[in-house]
Amino acid sequence: MQLYLVQHGLAQSKEEDPARPLTPAGREEVERMSRAAAAAGARPASILHSGKTRAQQTAEIFGAHVKPAHGVHAVEGLDPRDEPHRMREHLEQADEPVMLVGHLPHLSRLAALLLAESPEREIVAFRNAGVVCLGRSEGRFAVRWILTPELVQP
């Protein structure tokens, strides 16, 4: 099973807009990264996001390029301060590829939990609009590939 972890794109500050939508540069970067992820073979059956504006917009842009069969949906358990064990339980039951679009520190803690059984260790340095592909085999996750904006030129 493939798992794609995506940090939302660059968003406006709370002072600019309390809803924190993507900035124009953030939207452009997410577009570029979603095209690159599709070209790299990202094929999630569904995209799940936190429901926050910046994550929803990022998820929808990725959805337009990777075309998940089961669509794009908001779920609980992906907020910045949510406990990663909750999402791990959900992922352990998953049998189809899934993309999670969320926030730091949650994504970092979830990746560390899945890869090293310790949510307190930073294993992956996430970037806005970056994609980390993990693969699960025999009950264990391993990093398959990582795309960062620096690697995907305009």
Protein backbone atom coordinates (compact mmCIF):
# COMPACT_ATOMS: atom_id res chain seq x y z
CA MET A 1 0.00 0.00 0.00
CA GLN A 2 1.30 3.45 -0.92
CA LEU A 3 0.86 6.42 1.41
CA TYR A 4 1.48 9.95 0.19
CA LEU A 5 2.03 12.63 2.85
CA VAL A 6 1.66 16.22 1.63
CA GLN A 7 2.15 19.39 3.62
CA HIS A 8 -0.29 22.09 2.48
CA GLY A 9 0.99 24.84 0.20
CA LEU A 10 2.21 28.23 1.34
CA ALA A 11 -0.71 30.05 2.98
CA GLN A 12 -1.54 33.60 3.92
CA SER A 13 -0.88 34.67 7.51
CA LYS A 14 -3.70 34.90 10.05
CA GLU A 15 -3.31 38.68 9.90
CA GLU A 16 -3.85 38.74 6.13
CA ASP A 17 -6.82 36.36 6.23
CA PRO A 18 -7.95 34.35 9.26
CA ALA A 19 -9.08 31.50 6.97
CA ARG A 20 -5.46 31.19 5.72
CA PRO A 21 -6.04 30.32 2.05
CA LEU A 22 -3.11 29.56 -0.24
CA THR A 23 -1.12 32.52 -1.51
CA PRO A 24 -0.85 32.93 -5.29
CA ALA A 25 2.74 31.63 -5.07
CA GLY A 26 1.56 28.77 -2.87
CA ARG A 27 -1.15 27.82 -5.37
CA GLU A 28 1.38 27.89 -8.23
CA GLU A 29 3.81 25.71 -6.27
CA VAL A 30 1.07 23.19 -5.42
CA GLU A 31 0.10 23.03 -9.10
CA ARG A 32 3.71 22.31 -10.06
CA MET A 33 4.16 19.70 -7.32
CA SER A 34 0.89 17.94 -8.09
CA ARG A 35 1.86 17.59 -11.75
CA ALA A 36 5.25 16.21 -10.71
CA ALA A 37 3.65 13.76 -8.28
CA ALA A 38 1.33 12.50 -11.01
CA ALA A 39 4.31 12.13 -13.37
CA ALA A 40 6.16 10.20 -10.63
CA GLY A 41 3.30 7.71 -10.49
CA ALA A 42 1.29 8.93 -7.49
CA ARG A 43 -2.05 7.12 -7.75
CA PRO A 44 -3.98 7.48 -4.50
CA ALA A 45 -7.47 5.98 -4.39
CA SER A 46 -8.50 8.86 -2.14
CA ILE A 47 -7.17 12.16 -0.84
CA LEU A 48 -7.93 13.04 2.77
CA HIS A 49 -7.36 16.50 4.26
CA SER A 50 -7.88 18.30 7.55
CA GLY A 51 -10.70 20.55 6.39
CA LYS A 52 -8.68 23.71 6.97
CA THR A 53 -8.84 26.01 3.93
CA ARG A 54 -5.16 25.71 2.99
CA ALA A 55 -5.23 21.90 3.21
CA GLN A 56 -8.52 21.65 1.32
CA GLN A 57 -7.24 23.86 -1.51
CA THR A 58 -4.00 21.84 -1.69
CA ALA A 59 -5.94 18.55 -1.72
CA GLU A 60 -8.27 19.76 -4.48
CA ILE A 61 -5.35 20.84 -6.67
CA PHE A 62 -3.62 17.48 -6.17
CA GLY A 63 -6.93 15.76 -6.90
CA ALA A 64 -7.20 17.47 -10.27
CA HIS A 65 -3.86 15.94 -11.29
CA VAL A 66 -3.71 12.52 -9.61
CA LYS A 67 -7.46 11.86 -10.05
CA PRO A 68 -8.30 9.73 -7.00
CA ALA A 69 -11.09 7.21 -7.75
CA HIS A 70 -12.77 7.86 -4.38
CA GLY A 71 -12.36 11.63 -4.42
CA VAL A 72 -11.15 14.27 -1.97
CA HIS A 73 -12.57 14.36 1.57
CA ALA A 74 -12.09 16.17 4.87
CA VAL A 75 -11.49 13.87 7.85
CA GLU A 76 -10.76 14.24 11.52
CA GLY A 77 -7.30 13.46 12.82
CA LEU A 78 -5.18 15.62 10.49
CA ASP A 79 -5.12 18.93 12.38
CA PRO A 80 -1.71 20.36 13.30
CA ARG A 81 -1.82 19.25 16.95
CA ASP A 82 -3.73 15.97 16.53
CA GLU A 83 -2.25 12.82 18.01
CA PRO A 84 -0.62 10.76 15.20
CA HIS A 85 -1.57 7.38 16.72
CA ARG A 86 -5.17 7.98 15.70
CA MET A 87 -4.30 8.32 12.01
CA ARG A 88 -1.90 5.37 12.19
CA GLU A 89 -4.80 3.15 13.33
CA HIS A 90 -6.80 4.30 10.31
CA LEU A 91 -3.87 3.65 7.96
CA GLU A 92 -3.27 0.16 9.33
CA GLN A 93 -6.75 -0.78 8.07
CA ALA A 94 -6.26 0.80 4.63
CA ASP A 95 -5.71 -1.49 1.68
CA GLU A 96 -5.76 1.13 -1.08
CA PRO A 97 -3.26 3.95 -1.70
CA VAL A 98 -4.15 7.15 0.14
CA MET A 99 -2.86 10.72 0.15
CA LEU A 100 -3.01 12.75 3.37
CA VAL A 101 -2.84 16.54 3.08
CA GLY A 102 -2.11 18.13 6.41
CA HIS A 103 0.04 20.31 8.60
CA LEU A 104 3.10 20.41 10.78
CA PRO A 105 3.81 19.21 13.36
CA HIS A 106 1.25 16.42 12.78
CA LEU A 107 2.70 15.14 9.48
CA SER A 108 6.21 15.06 10.88
CA ARG A 109 5.04 13.20 13.99
CA LEU A 110 2.98 10.75 11.90
CA ALA A 111 5.92 10.00 9.57
CA ALA A 112 8.20 9.41 12.57
CA LEU A 113 5.64 7.11 14.16
CA LEU A 114 5.17 5.09 10.97
CA LEU A 115 8.87 4.86 10.15
CA ALA A 116 10.56 4.69 13.55
CA GLU A 117 7.79 4.02 16.11
CA SER A 118 8.62 7.35 17.78
CA PRO A 119 6.55 10.46 17.01
CA GLU A 120 9.06 12.62 18.88
CA ARG A 121 11.92 12.03 16.38
CA GLU A 122 12.10 14.14 13.24
CA ILE A 123 12.67 11.67 10.43
CA VAL A 124 11.41 13.72 7.47
CA ALA A 125 11.89 17.47 6.95
CA PHE A 126 8.59 18.43 5.31
CA ARG A 127 8.24 21.39 2.96
CA ASN A 128 5.16 23.30 1.86
CA ALA A 129 3.65 21.41 -1.11
CA GLY A 130 6.24 18.63 -0.76
CA VAL A 131 5.27 14.97 -1.19
CA VAL A 132 6.64 12.04 0.79
CA CYS A 133 5.72 8.61 -0.58
CA LEU A 134 5.80 5.75 1.92
CA GLY A 135 5.20 2.13 1.04
CA ARG A 136 3.84 -0.49 3.43
CA SER A 137 5.00 -4.05 3.08
CA GLU A 138 4.55 -6.82 5.65
CA GLY A 139 3.12 -4.30 8.10
CA ARG A 140 6.04 -1.86 8.00
CA PHE A 141 6.40 1.49 6.26
CA ALA A 142 9.50 2.66 4.39
CA VAL A 143 10.28 5.79 2.37
CA ARG A 144 9.88 5.18 -1.37
CA TRP A 145 10.51 8.70 -2.66
CA ILE A 146 10.34 12.39 -1.74
CA LEU A 147 9.57 15.38 -3.96
CA THR A 148 10.37 18.88 -2.75
CA PRO A 149 9.79 22.17 -4.57
CA GLU A 150 13.57 22.55 -4.97
CA LEU A 151 13.66 19.33 -7.02
CA VAL A 152 10.75 20.31 -9.27
CA GLN A 153 11.70 23.35 -11.27
CA PRO A 154 9.09 25.59 -12.91
